[in-house]
Protein backbone atom coordinates (compact mmCIF):
# COMPACT_ATOMS: atom_id res chain seq x y z
CA PRO A 1 18.32 15.60 1.77
CA PRO A 2 21.91 16.78 1.35
CA LEU A 3 22.38 17.37 5.05
CA LEU A 4 23.94 15.39 7.84
CA LEU A 5 22.33 15.23 11.25
CA THR A 6 25.50 15.70 13.24
CA PRO A 7 26.24 18.56 15.65
CA GLU A 8 29.23 19.60 13.56
CA TYR A 9 27.12 19.94 10.43
CA ILE A 10 24.30 21.79 12.17
CA PHE A 11 26.61 24.20 14.04
CA PRO A 12 30.11 24.15 12.46
CA ALA A 13 31.46 26.98 14.65
CA GLU A 14 31.36 24.61 17.65
CA ALA A 15 32.76 21.51 15.92
CA ALA A 16 35.86 21.46 18.14
CA ALA A 17 33.76 21.81 21.30
CA PHE A 18 31.48 18.96 20.23
CA ALA A 19 34.52 16.76 19.51
CA ALA A 20 36.07 17.61 22.88
CA LEU A 21 32.83 16.83 24.72
CA ARG A 22 32.44 13.48 22.95
CA ALA A 23 36.06 12.58 23.78
CA ALA A 24 35.69 13.66 27.44
CA GLU A 25 32.57 11.49 27.75
CA GLY A 26 34.33 8.51 26.17
CA ARG A 27 32.09 8.53 23.11
CA GLN A 28 33.00 7.67 19.54
CA PRO A 29 34.04 10.66 17.39
CA VAL A 30 31.04 10.07 15.09
CA PRO A 31 27.94 8.54 16.66
CA LEU A 32 26.20 5.49 15.25
CA HIS A 33 23.18 6.54 13.19
CA VAL A 34 20.30 4.08 13.48
CA PHE A 35 17.38 3.96 11.08
CA LEU A 36 14.24 1.96 11.65
CA SER A 37 12.34 0.78 8.58
CA LEU A 38 9.70 -1.92 8.31
CA ASP A 39 10.18 -2.48 4.60
CA GLY A 40 13.66 -1.06 3.88
CA ASP A 41 12.18 1.68 1.71
CA LEU A 42 14.73 4.42 2.41
CA PRO A 43 15.77 7.45 0.32
CA ALA A 44 19.00 6.18 -1.26
CA GLU A 45 19.98 9.73 -2.26
CA ALA A 46 20.07 10.94 1.37
CA THR A 47 23.60 11.91 2.33
CA VAL A 48 23.59 9.75 5.46
CA PHE A 49 23.24 6.64 3.27
CA THR A 50 26.15 7.61 1.02
CA GLU A 51 28.61 9.18 3.48
CA PRO A 52 31.12 6.46 4.48
CA THR A 53 32.40 8.33 7.56
CA ILE A 54 29.09 7.88 9.41
CA PRO A 55 28.59 4.53 11.17
CA LEU A 56 25.15 3.31 10.14
CA LEU A 57 22.75 0.61 11.32
CA ILE A 58 19.49 -0.02 9.51
CA ALA A 59 17.14 -1.97 11.76
CA THR A 60 14.43 -3.59 9.69
CA THR A 61 12.20 -6.62 9.34
CA THR A 62 12.79 -9.85 7.47
CA ARG A 63 10.93 -8.44 4.46
CA GLY A 64 12.93 -5.19 4.53
CA VAL A 65 16.47 -6.58 4.56
CA ALA A 66 16.94 -6.89 0.78
CA ALA A 67 15.60 -3.39 0.04
CA ALA A 68 17.68 -1.81 2.82
CA ARG A 69 20.82 -3.58 1.61
CA ALA A 70 20.18 -2.26 -1.89
CA VAL A 71 20.07 1.30 -0.51
CA VAL A 72 23.49 1.05 1.15
CA ALA A 73 24.93 -1.43 -1.38
CA ASN A 74 28.70 -1.51 -0.83
CA ARG A 75 28.91 1.47 1.53
CA PRO A 76 31.57 0.91 4.21
CA GLY A 77 30.36 1.07 7.81
CA ALA A 78 26.73 0.27 6.96
CA ILE A 79 25.01 -2.65 8.65
CA VAL A 80 21.53 -3.95 7.86
CA ARG A 81 19.93 -6.18 10.50
CA ASP A 82 16.68 -8.08 10.77
CA PHE A 83 14.95 -7.46 14.11
CA GLY A 84 11.62 -9.18 13.46
CA THR A 85 9.23 -10.64 10.94
CA GLU A 86 6.32 -8.17 10.88
CA SER A 87 7.76 -5.35 12.98
CA VAL A 88 11.06 -4.38 14.53
CA ASP A 89 11.29 -5.77 18.07
CA PRO A 90 12.21 -2.68 20.14
CA VAL A 91 13.52 -4.73 23.08
CA ALA A 92 15.86 -6.74 20.82
CA LEU A 93 16.97 -3.57 19.03
CA MET A 94 17.72 -1.70 22.25
CA ALA A 95 19.57 -4.73 23.69
CA ALA A 96 21.70 -5.00 20.54
CA LEU A 97 22.47 -1.28 20.60
CA ARG A 98 23.51 -1.49 24.23
CA HIS A 99 25.48 -4.74 24.23
CA GLU A 100 26.78 -5.11 20.66
CA TYR A 101 27.30 -1.51 19.62
CA GLY A 102 28.14 0.07 22.99
CA VAL A 103 25.34 2.63 22.86
CA ALA A 104 24.90 4.14 26.32
CA SER A 105 22.42 6.84 25.35
CA LEU A 106 20.20 7.21 22.32
CA LEU A 107 18.44 10.22 20.89
CA PHE A 108 15.27 8.97 19.20
CA GLU A 109 13.71 11.20 16.57
CA GLY A 110 11.08 9.12 14.89
CA GLY A 111 7.55 8.80 13.77
CA PRO A 112 4.46 8.04 15.83
CA ARG A 113 4.43 4.27 15.14
CA ALA A 114 8.06 3.80 16.19
CA TYR A 115 7.52 6.05 19.21
CA GLY A 116 4.44 4.04 20.16
CA SER A 117 6.29 0.74 19.88
CA LEU A 118 9.12 2.02 22.11
CA LEU A 119 6.57 3.29 24.65
CA GLN A 120 4.66 0.02 24.62
CA ALA A 121 7.90 -1.95 25.14
CA ASP A 122 8.91 0.33 28.04
CA GLN A 123 12.15 1.30 26.28
CA LEU A 124 12.14 5.07 26.80
CA ASP A 125 13.67 6.94 29.71
CA ASP A 126 13.24 10.65 28.99
CA GLU A 127 11.02 12.60 26.64
CA PHE A 128 11.84 16.02 25.24
CA LEU A 129 8.70 17.63 23.86
CA THR A 130 8.40 21.05 22.25
CA LEU A 131 5.01 22.72 22.27
CA SER A 132 4.38 25.36 19.66
CA PRO A 133 1.36 27.67 19.57
CA ILE A 134 0.56 26.60 16.00
CA MET A 135 -2.46 24.29 15.66
CA ILE A 136 -2.40 22.08 12.59
CA GLY A 137 -5.25 19.63 13.14
CA ASN A 138 -6.20 16.85 10.79
CA HIS A 139 -7.14 17.01 7.12
CA PRO A 140 -10.79 17.78 6.32
CA PRO A 141 -13.13 14.78 6.09
CA GLY A 142 -12.89 13.11 2.71
CA ALA A 143 -9.45 14.55 1.94
CA GLY A 144 -8.09 11.00 1.94
CA ARG A 145 -4.90 12.01 3.74
CA HIS A 146 -3.82 11.14 7.25
CA ARG A 147 -1.77 13.44 9.45
CA PRO A 148 0.05 11.43 12.12
CA SER A 149 -0.43 11.96 15.82
CA LEU A 150 2.30 11.87 18.49
CA VAL A 151 1.77 8.13 19.12
CA GLU A 152 0.13 5.65 16.76
CA GLY A 153 -0.25 1.91 16.38
CA VAL A 154 -0.65 1.20 20.09
CA ALA A 155 -3.39 1.74 22.65
CA PHE A 156 -2.99 1.80 26.41
CA ALA A 157 -5.71 0.57 28.73
CA PRO A 158 -6.87 2.89 31.51
CA GLY A 159 -4.35 2.67 34.32
CA ALA A 160 -1.74 1.01 32.06
CA ALA A 161 -0.60 4.09 30.12
CA PRO A 162 3.05 5.08 30.49
CA GLN A 163 3.50 7.52 33.37
CA GLN A 164 5.98 10.39 33.42
CA ARG A 165 7.41 12.84 35.92
CA LEU A 166 8.12 16.38 34.71
CA ILE A 167 11.82 17.23 35.09
CA SER A 168 12.02 20.68 33.51
CA LEU A 169 10.01 23.28 31.67
CA ARG A 170 11.56 26.12 29.67
CA ARG A 171 10.10 28.88 27.57
CA ALA A 172 11.71 30.51 24.54
CA GLY A 173 9.48 33.04 22.84
CA GLU A 174 6.17 31.30 22.28
CA HIS A 175 7.58 27.77 22.54
CA LEU A 176 7.59 25.51 25.60
CA PHE A 177 10.30 22.88 26.02
CA LEU A 178 9.31 20.05 28.35
CA ARG A 179 11.52 17.29 29.64
CA SER A 180 9.96 14.41 31.52
CA ARG A 181 11.15 11.02 32.73
CA TYR A 182 9.19 7.82 32.24
CA LEU A 183 8.45 5.82 35.36
CA HIS A 184 9.26 2.25 34.37
CA ARG A 185 6.76 -0.45 35.24
């Protein structure tokens, strides 16, 4: 899409305040954008892949490197890295983000398989979950389509599931905003 997922783009009236906050916290003026892709199949027309002012890391697998590099071609500030053969190793990715790229905090907005892999690898600290009163459900039997769940691709044995402690609960209209902290094993 032709949008950028930066605070300044989403809410331009507060661009100066966002910049001041980032500077006061010792953060880079533009945060590193990290994309996770098993096969490097990314929408080349998306603005984030063409905008040279946004630092970009594409974390992929051995098989996805060539396709991901083709998406960003000669774009300055774009890095494509192999973090595993069949899947992206979340522990190696998080270690690289922390130690090589100076990432102190990370907002993860991803799909259920990536979320599941981060949960399984014990790489999440806090979860922000919005509950909406709209029930979607799955597609009817035989529809041939799959609607993802919150977590997929992993299963936790009884007693071994990630545990959380509720930190806050807010209500806005009919929506609930929950924040919880994972209790690391």
